[in-house]
Amino acid sequence: MLATCLSKFMPTVNVKRVIHFSLLCLFCLPGYAMCPSPFSVQVLGSGGPIADDDRASSGYLIWIDNKARILVDAGGGIALRYGQSHAKIEHLDAIALTHLHADHSAALPALLKSSYFSDRSQALPLFGPSGNVRWPSIEEFTHGLFNSKTGIYRYLDGYLTGSDGMFQIKPQSVNSESATQLVQLPHFSLSAVSVHHGPVPAVAYLIESKGKRIAISGDQSNHNPAFAKMIKNADVLVMANAIPEHAGSVAKKLHATPAYIGALAQKAGVKKLILSHFMQRSIATQDENIALIKQTFKGPVQLAQDLHCYAVD
């Protein structure tokens, strides 16, 4: 009906393009959820730690029934992207950090400060890795930020106690060599497993809802059999593609190579693969990376873009 009406008044205009543009504009209206599908992942940040590609650092929102329920990672730029997504902090059931590198965690204080002006009062779980000699646990990280006496942002210490108009953050470490369920609610479950990211404690996550599965890899190397087992038959896998196949040995201790990504996704029976966490070194070899992945993975491969939504079909 809309196409017919427009064609009468604008016969030289590509009507389908006008309609498409109009529908896109609807998603830009204030308060309109940008991921209106029953179950989807929205990429808030598809970049890495280097500010050279117009991308925010790592961050992903899991939308269920038009509400953002889980935030996975909060790298630089994520507070802005969160606002652009029109997600509500009141709807979040959990924040889950894959590890504590700055490009996965630095925007957490900014996002929480923004939430001070929301109506949220309910406590919010914050999951993350356990520590080691060189790295803090998620509990130590949170207290390092907000402790009333020694915290970097000690003026926000109410997030530790649920006082001064702030809701309480409840950090919980994850350190498990097999998949462990962290949250079980009527509308979704959240599971996690520890993964290898060089010397950095790291975690990967799986969200299940409506009989479907979305997996977020975080940063991990080529040696993660427990992760492959956890994501068996995942409908969507968001996988970091930070390095090319010919990267140096140090980089390969931190990140998965394209050939490994393809083999992992195929062996696990993943239905759709979303590549993310790009850096210039992986962007420059993107065609080669995709070709290597497709040598073994036979499903669709898509490249993440900031604020794009990827629905579970």
C-alpha atoms as a PDB file:
ATOM      1  CA  MET A   1       0.000   0.000   0.000  1.00  0.00           C
ATOM      2  CA  LEU A   2       2.797   2.427   0.925  1.00  0.00           C
ATOM      3  CA  ALA A   3       4.682   1.582  -2.277  1.00  0.00           C
ATOM      4  CA  THR A   4       1.582   2.221  -4.402  1.00  0.00           C
ATOM      5  CA  CYS A   5       0.903   5.605  -2.829  1.00  0.00           C
ATOM      6  CA  LEU A   6       4.503   6.768  -3.126  1.00  0.00           C
ATOM      7  CA  SER A   7       4.768   5.685  -6.757  1.00  0.00           C
ATOM      8  CA  LYS A   8       1.825   7.910  -7.708  1.00  0.00           C
ATOM      9  CA  PHE A   9       3.420  11.041  -6.281  1.00  0.00           C
ATOM     10  CA  MET A  10       7.099  10.227  -6.883  1.00  0.00           C
ATOM     11  CA  PRO A  11       7.244   8.161 -10.101  1.00  0.00           C
ATOM     12  CA  THR A  12      10.969   8.729 -10.632  1.00  0.00           C
ATOM     13  CA  VAL A  13      12.007   7.750  -7.115  1.00  0.00           C
ATOM     14  CA  ASN A  14      13.159   4.247  -6.224  1.00  0.00           C
ATOM     15  CA  VAL A  15      10.217   3.481  -3.950  1.00  0.00           C
ATOM     16  CA  LYS A  16      11.786   0.418  -2.372  1.00  0.00           C
ATOM     17  CA  ARG A  17      14.769   2.495  -1.295  1.00  0.00           C
ATOM     18  CA  VAL A  18      12.501   5.156   0.192  1.00  0.00           C
ATOM     19  CA  ILE A  19      10.613   2.522   2.196  1.00  0.00           C
ATOM     20  CA  HIS A  20      13.869   0.902   3.306  1.00  0.00           C
ATOM     21  CA  PHE A  21      15.232   4.270   4.445  1.00  0.00           C
ATOM     22  CA  SER A  22      11.992   5.028   6.288  1.00  0.00           C
ATOM     23  CA  LEU A  23      12.131   1.736   8.136  1.00  0.00           C
ATOM     24  CA  LEU A  24      15.741   2.370   9.094  1.00  0.00           C
ATOM     25  CA  CYS A  25      14.727   5.756  10.479  1.00  0.00           C
ATOM     26  CA  LEU A  26      12.207   4.067  12.751  1.00  0.00           C
ATOM     27  CA  PHE A  27      15.105   2.309  14.457  1.00  0.00           C
ATOM     28  CA  CYS A  28      16.706   5.703  15.166  1.00  0.00           C
ATOM     29  CA  LEU A  29      13.746   7.109  17.078  1.00  0.00           C
ATOM     30  CA  PRO A  30      14.419   7.741  20.786  1.00  0.00           C
ATOM     31  CA  GLY A  31      13.263   4.863  22.957  1.00  0.00           C
ATOM     32  CA  TYR A  32      12.929   2.402  20.083  1.00  0.00           C
ATOM     33  CA  ALA A  33      14.824  -0.818  20.724  1.00  0.00           C
ATOM     34  CA  MET A  34      17.224  -1.395  17.847  1.00  0.00           C
ATOM     35  CA  CYS A  35      16.963  -5.183  18.168  1.00  0.00           C
ATOM     36  CA  PRO A  36      13.232  -5.958  18.106  1.00  0.00           C
ATOM     37  CA  SER A  37      13.647  -9.681  17.376  1.00  0.00           C
ATOM     38  CA  PRO A  38      12.777 -12.262  20.075  1.00  0.00           C
ATOM     39  CA  PHE A  39      16.460 -13.214  20.589  1.00  0.00           C
ATOM     40  CA  SER A  40      19.474 -11.397  19.149  1.00  0.00           C
ATOM     41  CA  VAL A  41      22.945 -10.031  19.800  1.00  0.00           C
ATOM     42  CA  GLN A  42      23.771  -6.393  19.147  1.00  0.00           C
ATOM     43  CA  VAL A  43      27.398  -5.440  18.598  1.00  0.00           C
ATOM     44  CA  LEU A  44      28.160  -2.308  20.593  1.00  0.00           C
ATOM     45  CA  GLY A  45      31.856  -2.427  19.783  1.00  0.00           C
ATOM     46  CA  SER A  46      33.610  -4.498  17.115  1.00  0.00           C
ATOM     47  CA  GLY A  47      37.105  -3.061  17.494  1.00  0.00           C
ATOM     48  CA  GLY A  48      40.176  -3.714  19.585  1.00  0.00           C
ATOM     49  CA  PRO A  49      42.453  -1.621  21.802  1.00  0.00           C
ATOM     50  CA  ILE A  50      43.733   0.727  19.071  1.00  0.00           C
ATOM     51  CA  ALA A  51      41.692   3.820  18.219  1.00  0.00           C
ATOM     52  CA  ASP A  52      42.361   3.680  14.482  1.00  0.00           C
ATOM     53  CA  ASP A  53      39.284   2.186  12.841  1.00  0.00           C
ATOM     54  CA  ASP A  54      36.188   4.187  13.907  1.00  0.00           C
ATOM     55  CA  ARG A  55      34.988   1.276  16.050  1.00  0.00           C
ATOM     56  CA  ALA A  56      34.304   1.105  19.755  1.00  0.00           C
ATOM     57  CA  SER A  57      36.178  -1.576  21.669  1.00  0.00           C
ATOM     58  CA  SER A  58      34.521  -4.855  22.622  1.00  0.00           C
ATOM     59  CA  GLY A  59      30.925  -4.897  23.818  1.00  0.00           C
ATOM     60  CA  TYR A  60      27.789  -6.934  23.068  1.00  0.00           C
ATOM     61  CA  LEU A  61      24.166  -6.700  24.152  1.00  0.00           C
ATOM     62  CA  ILE A  62      21.883  -9.714  24.298  1.00  0.00           C
ATOM     63  CA  TRP A  63      18.292  -8.738  23.507  1.00  0.00           C
ATOM     64  CA  ILE A  64      15.375 -10.952  24.521  1.00  0.00           C
ATOM     65  CA  ASP A  65      11.808  -9.915  23.733  1.00  0.00           C
ATOM     66  CA  ASN A  66      12.805  -6.322  22.938  1.00  0.00           C
ATOM     67  CA  LYS A  67      14.782  -5.813  26.148  1.00  0.00           C
ATOM     68  CA  ALA A  68      18.565  -5.765  26.596  1.00  0.00           C
ATOM     69  CA  ARG A  69      19.134  -8.438  29.246  1.00  0.00           C
ATOM     70  CA  ILE A  70      22.900  -9.073  29.257  1.00  0.00           C
ATOM     71  CA  LEU A  71      25.903  -6.883  28.519  1.00  0.00           C
ATOM     72  CA  VAL A  72      29.037  -8.830  27.608  1.00  0.00           C
ATOM     73  CA  ASP A  73      32.173  -6.662  27.875  1.00  0.00           C
ATOM     74  CA  ALA A  74      32.452  -2.907  28.302  1.00  0.00           C
ATOM     75  CA  GLY A  75      35.447  -1.646  26.344  1.00  0.00           C
ATOM     76  CA  GLY A  76      36.171   1.962  25.436  1.00  0.00           C
ATOM     77  CA  GLY A  77      33.223   3.666  23.732  1.00  0.00           C
ATOM     78  CA  ILE A  78      30.614   1.234  25.043  1.00  0.00           C
ATOM     79  CA  ALA A  79      28.869   3.762  27.293  1.00  0.00           C
ATOM     80  CA  LEU A  80      28.105   5.897  24.239  1.00  0.00           C
ATOM     81  CA  ARG A  81      27.046   2.896  22.153  1.00  0.00           C
ATOM     82  CA  TYR A  82      24.803   1.703  24.991  1.00  0.00           C
ATOM     83  CA  GLY A  83      22.912   4.974  24.851  1.00  0.00           C
ATOM     84  CA  GLN A  84      22.705   4.826  21.066  1.00  0.00           C
ATOM     85  CA  SER A  85      21.185   1.355  21.277  1.00  0.00           C
ATOM     86  CA  HIS A  86      18.331   2.720  23.434  1.00  0.00           C
ATOM     87  CA  ALA A  87      18.882  -0.123  25.903  1.00  0.00           C
ATOM     88  CA  LYS A  88      17.650   0.440  29.449  1.00  0.00           C
ATOM     89  CA  ILE A  89      19.956  -0.236  32.387  1.00  0.00           C
ATOM     90  CA  GLU A  90      16.814  -1.168  34.343  1.00  0.00           C
ATOM     91  CA  HIS A  91      16.305  -4.214  32.106  1.00  0.00           C
ATOM     92  CA  LEU A  92      19.783  -5.726  32.541  1.00  0.00           C
ATOM     93  CA  ASP A  93      19.954  -9.027  34.398  1.00  0.00           C
ATOM     94  CA  ALA A  94      23.745  -9.325  34.269  1.00  0.00           C
ATOM     95  CA  ILE A  95      26.997  -7.786  33.085  1.00  0.00           C
ATOM     96  CA  ALA A  96      29.636 -10.321  32.057  1.00  0.00           C
ATOM     97  CA  LEU A  97      33.249  -9.359  31.338  1.00  0.00           C
ATOM     98  CA  THR A  98      35.357 -11.825  29.357  1.00  0.00           C
ATOM     99  CA  HIS A  99      38.605 -10.451  30.832  1.00  0.00           C
ATOM    100  CA  LEU A 100      40.053  -7.279  32.265  1.00  0.00           C
ATOM    101  CA  HIS A 101      42.060  -5.847  29.394  1.00  0.00           C
ATOM    102  CA  ALA A 102      41.123  -2.169  28.998  1.00  0.00           C
ATOM    103  CA  ASP A 103      39.449  -2.730  25.619  1.00  0.00           C
ATOM    104  CA  HIS A 104      36.972  -5.056  27.353  1.00  0.00           C
ATOM    105  CA  SER A 105      36.394  -3.296  30.688  1.00  0.00           C
ATOM    106  CA  ALA A 106      37.429   0.383  30.689  1.00  0.00           C
ATOM    107  CA  ALA A 107      33.932   1.803  30.079  1.00  0.00           C
ATOM    108  CA  LEU A 108      32.316   0.048  33.033  1.00  0.00           C
ATOM    109  CA  PRO A 109      32.642   3.061  35.420  1.00  0.00           C
ATOM    110  CA  ALA A 110      31.251   5.416  32.766  1.00  0.00           C
ATOM    111  CA  LEU A 111      28.269   3.152  32.108  1.00  0.00           C
ATOM    112  CA  LEU A 112      27.543   2.803  35.817  1.00  0.00           C
ATOM    113  CA  LYS A 113      27.818   6.549  36.364  1.00  0.00           C
ATOM    114  CA  SER A 114      25.303   7.047  33.556  1.00  0.00           C
ATOM    115  CA  SER A 115      22.972   4.563  35.248  1.00  0.00           C
ATOM    116  CA  TYR A 116      22.884   6.784  38.349  1.00  0.00           C
ATOM    117  CA  PHE A 117      20.276   8.818  36.469  1.00  0.00           C
ATOM    118  CA  SER A 118      18.109   5.756  35.762  1.00  0.00           C
ATOM    119  CA  ASP A 119      15.319   4.271  37.866  1.00  0.00           C
ATOM    120  CA  ARG A 120      17.198   1.074  38.633  1.00  0.00           C
ATOM    121  CA  SER A 121      17.409   0.014  42.291  1.00  0.00           C
ATOM    122  CA  GLN A 122      17.769  -3.767  41.941  1.00  0.00           C
ATOM    123  CA  ALA A 123      21.242  -5.272  42.490  1.00  0.00           C
ATOM    124  CA  LEU A 124      23.108  -6.284  39.337  1.00  0.00           C
ATOM    125  CA  PRO A 125      25.401  -9.353  39.048  1.00  0.00           C
ATOM    126  CA  LEU A 126      28.804  -8.677  37.498  1.00  0.00           C
ATOM    127  CA  PHE A 127      30.619 -11.788  36.258  1.00  0.00           C
ATOM    128  CA  GLY A 128      34.251 -11.972  35.260  1.00  0.00           C
ATOM    129  CA  PRO A 129      37.457 -13.970  35.552  1.00  0.00           C
ATOM    130  CA  SER A 130      39.229 -15.006  38.704  1.00  0.00           C
ATOM    131  CA  GLY A 131      42.673 -13.508  39.109  1.00  0.00           C
ATOM    132  CA  ASN A 132      46.240 -14.702  39.200  1.00  0.00           C
ATOM    133  CA  VAL A 133      49.556 -13.243  40.392  1.00  0.00           C
ATOM    134  CA  ARG A 134      49.487 -10.472  37.799  1.00  0.00           C
ATOM    135  CA  TRP A 135      45.759  -9.918  37.332  1.00  0.00           C
ATOM    136  CA  PRO A 136      42.960  -9.065  39.781  1.00  0.00           C
ATOM    137  CA  SER A 137      39.806 -11.107  40.118  1.00  0.00           C
ATOM    138  CA  ILE A 138      36.538  -9.446  39.155  1.00  0.00           C
ATOM    139  CA  GLU A 139      35.933  -8.824  42.888  1.00  0.00           C
ATOM    140  CA  GLU A 140      39.319  -7.118  43.265  1.00  0.00           C
ATOM    141  CA  PHE A 141      38.741  -5.171  40.069  1.00  0.00           C
ATOM    142  CA  THR A 142      35.384  -3.860  41.294  1.00  0.00           C
ATOM    143  CA  HIS A 143      36.706  -2.929  44.723  1.00  0.00           C
ATOM    144  CA  GLY A 144      39.746  -1.322  43.101  1.00  0.00           C
ATOM    145  CA  LEU A 145      37.375   0.963  41.248  1.00  0.00           C
ATOM    146  CA  PHE A 146      34.821   1.786  43.926  1.00  0.00           C
ATOM    147  CA  ASN A 147      36.206   1.083  47.408  1.00  0.00           C
ATOM    148  CA  SER A 148      35.276   4.034  49.633  1.00  0.00           C
ATOM    149  CA  LYS A 149      38.843   4.537  50.916  1.00  0.00           C
ATOM    150  CA  THR A 150      41.211   3.387  48.170  1.00  0.00           C
ATOM    151  CA  GLY A 151      39.057   3.102  45.039  1.00  0.00           C
ATOM    152  CA  ILE A 152      39.921   4.993  41.859  1.00  0.00           C
ATOM    153  CA  TYR A 153      36.305   6.179  41.680  1.00  0.00           C
ATOM    154  CA  ARG A 154      35.658   6.132  45.412  1.00  0.00           C
ATOM    155  CA  TYR A 155      32.942   8.750  45.037  1.00  0.00           C
ATOM    156  CA  LEU A 156      30.903   5.947  43.432  1.00  0.00           C
ATOM    157  CA  ASP A 157      31.320   3.593  46.385  1.00  0.00           C
ATOM    158  CA  GLY A 158      27.548   3.298  46.592  1.00  0.00           C
ATOM    159  CA  TYR A 159      27.782   0.685  43.836  1.00  0.00           C
ATOM    160  CA  LEU A 160      29.405  -1.644  46.349  1.00  0.00           C
ATOM    161  CA  THR A 161      26.751  -1.132  49.015  1.00  0.00           C
ATOM    162  CA  GLY A 162      23.618  -0.079  47.171  1.00  0.00           C
ATOM    163  CA  SER A 163      23.593   3.300  48.902  1.00  0.00           C
ATOM    164  CA  ASP A 164      23.553   6.996  47.914  1.00  0.00           C
ATOM    165  CA  GLY A 165      21.016   6.397  45.174  1.00  0.00           C
ATOM    166  CA  MET A 166      23.108   3.712  43.467  1.00  0.00           C
ATOM    167  CA  PHE A 167      22.182   0.074  42.936  1.00  0.00           C
ATOM    168  CA  GLN A 168      24.538  -2.593  44.220  1.00  0.00           C
ATOM    169  CA  ILE A 169      27.001  -4.362  41.939  1.00  0.00           C
ATOM    170  CA  LYS A 170      27.591  -7.990  42.956  1.00  0.00           C
ATOM    171  CA  PRO A 171      30.838  -9.286  41.432  1.00  0.00           C
ATOM    172  CA  GLN A 172      31.351 -13.038  41.034  1.00  0.00           C
ATOM    173  CA  SER A 173      34.476 -14.760  39.731  1.00  0.00           C
ATOM    174  CA  VAL A 174      34.357 -17.477  37.090  1.00  0.00           C
ATOM    175  CA  ASN A 175      37.090 -20.104  37.070  1.00  0.00           C
ATOM    176  CA  SER A 176      35.866 -23.334  35.563  1.00  0.00           C
ATOM    177  CA  GLU A 177      37.427 -25.779  33.116  1.00  0.00           C
ATOM    178  CA  SER A 178      33.959 -26.944  32.072  1.00  0.00           C
ATOM    179  CA  ALA A 179      30.752 -25.067  31.291  1.00  0.00           C
ATOM    180  CA  THR A 180      29.143 -23.678  34.448  1.00  0.00           C
ATOM    181  CA  GLN A 181      25.688 -22.134  34.649  1.00  0.00           C
ATOM    182  CA  LEU A 182      25.786 -18.694  36.258  1.00  0.00           C
ATOM    183  CA  VAL A 183      22.198 -17.487  35.813  1.00  0.00           C
ATOM    184  CA  GLN A 184      18.949 -19.369  35.328  1.00  0.00           C
ATOM    185  CA  LEU A 185      15.881 -17.218  34.773  1.00  0.00           C
ATOM    186  CA  PRO A 186      12.562 -17.986  33.045  1.00  0.00           C
ATOM    187  CA  HIS A 187      13.607 -16.124  29.885  1.00  0.00           C
ATOM    188  CA  PHE A 188      17.269 -17.163  29.599  1.00  0.00           C
ATOM    189  CA  SER A 189      20.274 -18.916  31.106  1.00  0.00           C
ATOM    190  CA  LEU A 190      23.882 -17.724  31.150  1.00  0.00           C
ATOM    191  CA  SER A 191      26.801 -20.168  31.241  1.00  0.00           C
ATOM    192  CA  ALA A 192      30.558 -19.653  31.162  1.00  0.00           C
ATOM    193  CA  VAL A 193      33.855 -21.473  30.838  1.00  0.00           C
ATOM    194  CA  SER A 194      37.440 -20.345  31.358  1.00  0.00           C
ATOM    195  CA  VAL A 195      39.470 -19.947  28.151  1.00  0.00           C
ATOM    196  CA  HIS A 196      43.149 -19.501  27.310  1.00  0.00           C
ATOM    197  CA  HIS A 197      44.210 -15.922  26.529  1.00  0.00           C
ATOM    198  CA  GLY A 198      47.918 -16.116  27.181  1.00  0.00           C
ATOM    199  CA  PRO A 199      48.720 -15.065  30.784  1.00  0.00           C
ATOM    200  CA  VAL A 200      45.412 -13.228  31.159  1.00  0.00           C
ATOM    201  CA  PRO A 201      42.523 -14.949  33.011  1.00  0.00           C
ATOM    202  CA  ALA A 202      39.619 -15.014  30.565  1.00  0.00           C
ATOM    203  CA  VAL A 203      36.072 -16.333  30.237  1.00  0.00           C
ATOM    204  CA  ALA A 204      33.715 -17.114  27.343  1.00  0.00           C
ATOM    205  CA  TYR A 205      29.925 -17.048  27.625  1.00  0.00           C
ATOM    206  CA  LEU A 206      26.877 -18.883  26.282  1.00  0.00           C
ATOM    207  CA  ILE A 207      23.350 -17.491  26.445  1.00  0.00           C
ATOM    208  CA  GLU A 208      20.382 -19.801  25.876  1.00  0.00           C
ATOM    209  CA  SER A 209      16.817 -18.602  25.306  1.00  0.00           C
ATOM    210  CA  LYS A 210      13.761 -19.959  23.520  1.00  0.00           C
ATOM    211  CA  GLY A 211      15.632 -23.151  22.693  1.00  0.00           C
ATOM    212  CA  LYS A 212      18.366 -21.161  20.866  1.00  0.00           C
ATOM    213  CA  ARG A 213      22.007 -20.411  21.728  1.00  0.00           C
ATOM    214  CA  ILE A 214      24.299 -17.384  21.321  1.00  0.00           C
ATOM    215  CA  ALA A 215      27.994 -17.756  22.190  1.00  0.00           C
ATOM    216  CA  ILE A 216      30.511 -14.954  22.817  1.00  0.00           C
ATOM    217  CA  SER A 217      34.126 -16.101  22.560  1.00  0.00           C
ATOM    218  CA  GLY A 218      35.932 -13.160  24.109  1.00  0.00           C
ATOM    219  CA  ASP A 219      39.664 -13.227  23.396  1.00  0.00           C
ATOM    220  CA  GLN A 220      41.134 -16.713  23.248  1.00  0.00           C
ATOM    221  CA  SER A 221      43.921 -18.649  21.573  1.00  0.00           C
ATOM    222  CA  ASN A 222      43.870 -21.864  19.530  1.00  0.00           C
ATOM    223  CA  HIS A 223      43.661 -24.109  22.604  1.00  0.00           C
ATOM    224  CA  ASN A 224      40.154 -24.160  24.051  1.00  0.00           C
ATOM    225  CA  PRO A 225      38.476 -27.587  23.776  1.00  0.00           C
ATOM    226  CA  ALA A 226      36.123 -26.861  26.694  1.00  0.00           C
ATOM    227  CA  PHE A 227      34.785 -23.818  24.857  1.00  0.00           C
ATOM    228  CA  ALA A 228      34.183 -25.898  21.731  1.00  0.00           C
ATOM    229  CA  LYS A 229      32.197 -28.350  23.827  1.00  0.00           C
ATOM    230  CA  MET A 230      30.119 -25.608  25.502  1.00  0.00           C
ATOM    231  CA  ILE A 231      29.059 -23.978  22.214  1.00  0.00           C
ATOM    232  CA  LYS A 232      27.938 -27.224  20.542  1.00  0.00           C
ATOM    233  CA  ASN A 233      25.221 -26.440  17.953  1.00  0.00           C
ATOM    234  CA  ALA A 234      25.190 -22.729  18.800  1.00  0.00           C
ATOM    235  CA  ASP A 235      22.902 -20.725  16.543  1.00  0.00           C
ATOM    236  CA  VAL A 236      25.250 -17.711  16.601  1.00  0.00           C
ATOM    237  CA  LEU A 237      28.925 -17.546  17.536  1.00  0.00           C
ATOM    238  CA  VAL A 238      30.546 -14.125  17.925  1.00  0.00           C
ATOM    239  CA  MET A 239      34.257 -14.833  17.541  1.00  0.00           C
ATOM    240  CA  ALA A 240      37.216 -12.487  17.911  1.00  0.00           C
ATOM    241  CA  ASN A 241      39.259 -12.178  14.698  1.00  0.00           C
ATOM    242  CA  ALA A 242      42.087  -9.965  15.920  1.00  0.00           C
ATOM    243  CA  ILE A 243      45.015 -11.517  14.043  1.00  0.00           C
ATOM    244  CA  PRO A 244      45.853 -12.885  10.590  1.00  0.00           C
ATOM    245  CA  GLU A 245      47.041 -16.446  10.020  1.00  0.00           C
ATOM    246  CA  HIS A 246      50.713 -15.388   9.790  1.00  0.00           C
ATOM    247  CA  ALA A 247      50.751 -13.427  13.084  1.00  0.00           C
ATOM    248  CA  GLY A 248      53.734 -13.777  15.382  1.00  0.00           C
ATOM    249  CA  SER A 249      54.031 -16.271  18.205  1.00  0.00           C
ATOM    250  CA  VAL A 250      53.120 -13.774  20.938  1.00  0.00           C
ATOM    251  CA  ALA A 251      49.892 -12.787  19.173  1.00  0.00           C
ATOM    252  CA  LYS A 252      48.994 -16.441  18.625  1.00  0.00           C
ATOM    253  CA  LYS A 253      49.298 -17.100  22.349  1.00  0.00           C
ATOM    254  CA  LEU A 254      46.549 -14.525  22.845  1.00  0.00           C
ATOM    255  CA  HIS A 255      44.246 -14.883  19.838  1.00  0.00           C
ATOM    256  CA  ALA A 256      42.730 -17.540  17.592  1.00  0.00           C
ATOM    257  CA  THR A 257      43.919 -17.744  13.993  1.00  0.00           C
ATOM    258  CA  PRO A 258      41.415 -17.713  11.095  1.00  0.00           C
ATOM    259  CA  ALA A 259      42.036 -21.380  10.236  1.00  0.00           C
ATOM    260  CA  TYR A 260      41.356 -22.370  13.840  1.00  0.00           C
ATOM    261  CA  ILE A 261      38.186 -20.250  13.951  1.00  0.00           C
ATOM    262  CA  GLY A 262      36.815 -22.047  10.906  1.00  0.00           C
ATOM    263  CA  ALA A 263      37.668 -25.489  12.233  1.00  0.00           C
ATOM    264  CA  LEU A 264      36.234 -24.660  15.674  1.00  0.00           C
ATOM    265  CA  ALA A 265      32.942 -23.373  14.289  1.00  0.00           C
ATOM    266  CA  GLN A 266      32.519 -26.345  11.963  1.00  0.00           C
ATOM    267  CA  LYS A 267      33.382 -28.955  14.590  1.00  0.00           C
ATOM    268  CA  ALA A 268      30.989 -27.353  17.080  1.00  0.00           C
ATOM    269  CA  GLY A 269      28.141 -27.311  14.559  1.00  0.00           C
ATOM    270  CA  VAL A 270      27.740 -23.534  14.737  1.00  0.00           C
ATOM    271  CA  LYS A 271      24.991 -22.255  12.441  1.00  0.00           C
ATOM    272  CA  LYS A 272      26.147 -18.637  11.977  1.00  0.00           C
ATOM    273  CA  LEU A 273      29.558 -17.059  12.591  1.00  0.00           C
ATOM    274  CA  ILE A 274      29.979 -13.344  13.377  1.00  0.00           C
ATOM    275  CA  LEU A 275      33.582 -12.119  13.227  1.00  0.00           C
ATOM    276  CA  SER A 276      34.445  -9.207  15.515  1.00  0.00           C
ATOM    277  CA  HIS A 277      37.240  -7.577  17.588  1.00  0.00           C
ATOM    278  CA  PHE A 278      38.952  -6.304  14.445  1.00  0.00           C
ATOM    279  CA  MET A 279      42.317  -4.577  14.401  1.00  0.00           C
ATOM    280  CA  GLN A 280      44.129  -3.129  11.400  1.00  0.00           C
ATOM    281  CA  ARG A 281      46.290  -6.239  11.184  1.00  0.00           C
ATOM    282  CA  SER A 282      43.205  -8.415  10.710  1.00  0.00           C
ATOM    283  CA  ILE A 283      41.283  -5.883   8.626  1.00  0.00           C
ATOM    284  CA  ALA A 284      44.165  -5.645   6.152  1.00  0.00           C
ATOM    285  CA  THR A 285      43.959  -9.397   5.532  1.00  0.00           C
ATOM    286  CA  GLN A 286      40.189  -9.757   5.832  1.00  0.00           C
ATOM    287  CA  ASP A 287      39.611 -11.475   2.485  1.00  0.00           C
ATOM    288  CA  GLU A 288      42.364 -13.970   3.219  1.00  0.00           C
ATOM    289  CA  ASN A 289      41.031 -14.549   6.741  1.00  0.00           C
ATOM    290  CA  ILE A 290      37.517 -15.272   5.497  1.00  0.00           C
ATOM    291  CA  ALA A 291      38.826 -17.608   2.800  1.00  0.00           C
ATOM    292  CA  LEU A 292      40.747 -19.594   5.402  1.00  0.00           C
ATOM    293  CA  ILE A 293      37.694 -19.799   7.664  1.00  0.00           C
ATOM    294  CA  LYS A 294      35.484 -20.967   4.812  1.00  0.00           C
ATOM    295  CA  GLN A 295      37.860 -23.769   3.946  1.00  0.00           C
ATOM    296  CA  THR A 296      36.357 -25.676   6.860  1.00  0.00           C
ATOM    297  CA  PHE A 297      33.289 -23.760   8.080  1.00  0.00           C
ATOM    298  CA  LYS A 298      30.338 -24.214   5.735  1.00  0.00           C
ATOM    299  CA  GLY A 299      27.865 -21.845   7.401  1.00  0.00           C
ATOM    300  CA  PRO A 300      27.371 -18.104   6.805  1.00  0.00           C
ATOM    301  CA  VAL A 301      30.122 -15.725   7.932  1.00  0.00           C
ATOM    302  CA  GLN A 302      29.318 -12.082   8.705  1.00  0.00           C
ATOM    303  CA  LEU A 303      31.533  -9.166   9.709  1.00  0.00           C
ATOM    304  CA  ALA A 304      30.462  -7.295  12.840  1.00  0.00           C
ATOM    305  CA  GLN A 305      29.694  -3.598  12.688  1.00  0.00           C
ATOM    306  CA  ASP A 306      29.045  -1.327  15.654  1.00  0.00           C
ATOM    307  CA  LEU A 307      25.326  -1.179  16.581  1.00  0.00           C
ATOM    308  CA  HIS A 308      24.340  -3.867  14.074  1.00  0.00           C
ATOM    309  CA  CYS A 309      21.974  -6.576  15.297  1.00  0.00           C
ATOM    310  CA  TYR A 310      22.246 -10.265  14.503  1.00  0.00           C
ATOM    311  CA  ALA A 311      19.075 -12.214  15.170  1.00  0.00           C
ATOM    312  CA  VAL A 312      18.779 -15.881  15.921  1.00  0.00           C
ATOM    313  CA  ASP A 313      16.692 -17.266  13.068  1.00  0.00           C
END
